[in-house]
Amino acid sequence: MISEKLKKARDFEAHYGPFIQDRNRPAYHLTPTIGWMNDPNGFSLYKGEYHLFYQYHPYDTKWGPMHWGHVKTKDFIHWERLPAAMAPDMDYDRNGCFSGSAIELDDGRQLLVYTGVKAVREENGELREHQTQCVAVGDGLNYEKYEENPVITADDLPAGGSPFDFRDPKIWREGGTFYLVVGNRPADGSGSILMYESADGLRWKYKGVLAACHNQFGRMWECPDFFELNGKYVLLTSPQEMTAIGLEFHAGNGNLCLIGEFDREKCHLVRENVQAIDYGLDFYAPQTLLTPDGRRVMIGWMQNWETSNCQSSSMRCFGQMTVPRELSLKDGRLYQNPVRELKACRSYQILYRNVLLTGMTTLQNVRGRVVDMTVNIRPASLNAMYSWFKINVAGDGEHMTTIRYKPECNTIRIDRTRCGFPHDIVNVRDFVVRPRGGEIKLRILLDKYSMELFVNDGEQAATTVIYTDVSADAISFESMGSVIMDVEKYDLIID
């Protein structure tokens, strides 16, 4: 039996969602049915299909009382829209159903684990949001919240843990035991990731602090995900209030990857490497799943909080997800590449080899806004290194978004200053890449309102939203000095 609040949301999206025509949406990046979308939730395999839920406010393109939107897919490219899965309709989640995860149970049902938010007036008169962990169980379409919710409360926190910053559980199972990690703010005011275990997914026991920030990488750590990959353990999280650290981490709401060994006895991740997940302007709150063929696939919110209120008044939906990405570890680093299923959408190959570039040029039939393009660059002479190389996309003479590589300092710059965004925001991001003697491989995915860059076969990724009208589809190449360039370009056709 669904609640009146959930029925209202479902009726609203069913009535108004179809008015948002496909031509106004990206071709292969997921957007909400209507209204607002942020964090991916419940990214999981259920009865042979991949389900994805998301933070959802159907009634406005601004953040509001959080519902859970719902879609599913068989190939990570074509998404089927399903009715909203949850609404903030209980006392313990009356102010929002915040982020969480999902898992299939042995009895064939799907378990959702999420953060319930309830605003409470404190003795000093201050209104504070108490956060607890809750569950719901369903059949892939309809879900019933557990009658004994919440299942993890402030009583289950370690000493000094905050009940006001206690959110975003990620669940998994090993053998017959369920585990989850969840973000929390301990007594030092920074972030930590706590770990819990359960025999049935309903009754949970605190295990320990998996990782702690100690005010080193931001403050509160949100949206954790923890998994084994290529013989190591990986913790992904999204820190708030980051301060910039060189060109690896930028200020504000960031993203963080910790790689190391898992000390099960102490319930502690022993760090061996720390890096950003994505080096672009728009990436937050990623979540992963494990496919039946053994791939670890990640999806993230393709937006940032600093720009999320800068919207056109005519928009009926806001927010999109990244293309799902396959993860691997090499040389102690996280690699990521678009899911292989995307290659099945490639059409109209355009191929250029050994193009000598000095100055600026365009190439015949290399243009478009729904594109998969790979560019290989190398110096034209071993005795004369070029100063810089640029790719300009989504151009029309007035607008463009630029990727620039400088081999002398081994930096890439993403610059959307001229993409048409009419607000004074951060539009430029620089990051360092591994030196390769002036050689670099850049794979670029364009999809109307976004650009995703994958460097050197996935060694680094950088994601940015762009705002240029889709009629601006020119692609050009520039260099200061001589380079040799290979270009392989496809249009992407999504049936």
Foldseek 3Di string as FASTA:
>chain_A
DDDPQLVVQQVLLVVPLPVCDPVNDWQFWDFASWADWAWWAAQEAAPQKTKIWTFDDRPHNDDAATFIFIWIGNQLGDIHGARTAGGQDDQQQVRHFAGEHWDADPVRKIKTKTKGWHWDQDPVRDTAIFIAIWMWIGNRHYTGTDPPPPQGHPVQDDPQWDRRQWTYWYWDDDDQKIKIWIWIAGNLQAIWIWMWMDRHVRHIHTDGTADTCSPPAAGTWHQWDWDDAPRKIKIKTWHAQGPDDPQFFHGGTFIKMFIAHQDRVRNYGDGDDITGAAQADFWHNKDWYADPVGWIKIKTWGHDPVCSVQDDPPGGTDTTMDRIWTWHDDPRAIFIDHPPSQVVQWDDKDKDFFDKAAFKDADPPPWAQQKKKKKKKAAPDLVDAFQKKKKWWLADPQATWMWMAGLVQQKIKTARPRLPRPDPDDGIGMDHDDHDNNIKMWIWGGTQFWIWIAIPNGRHIYIHGGDHHRVRIGMMMGTRHIMTMIMIMTHGHDD
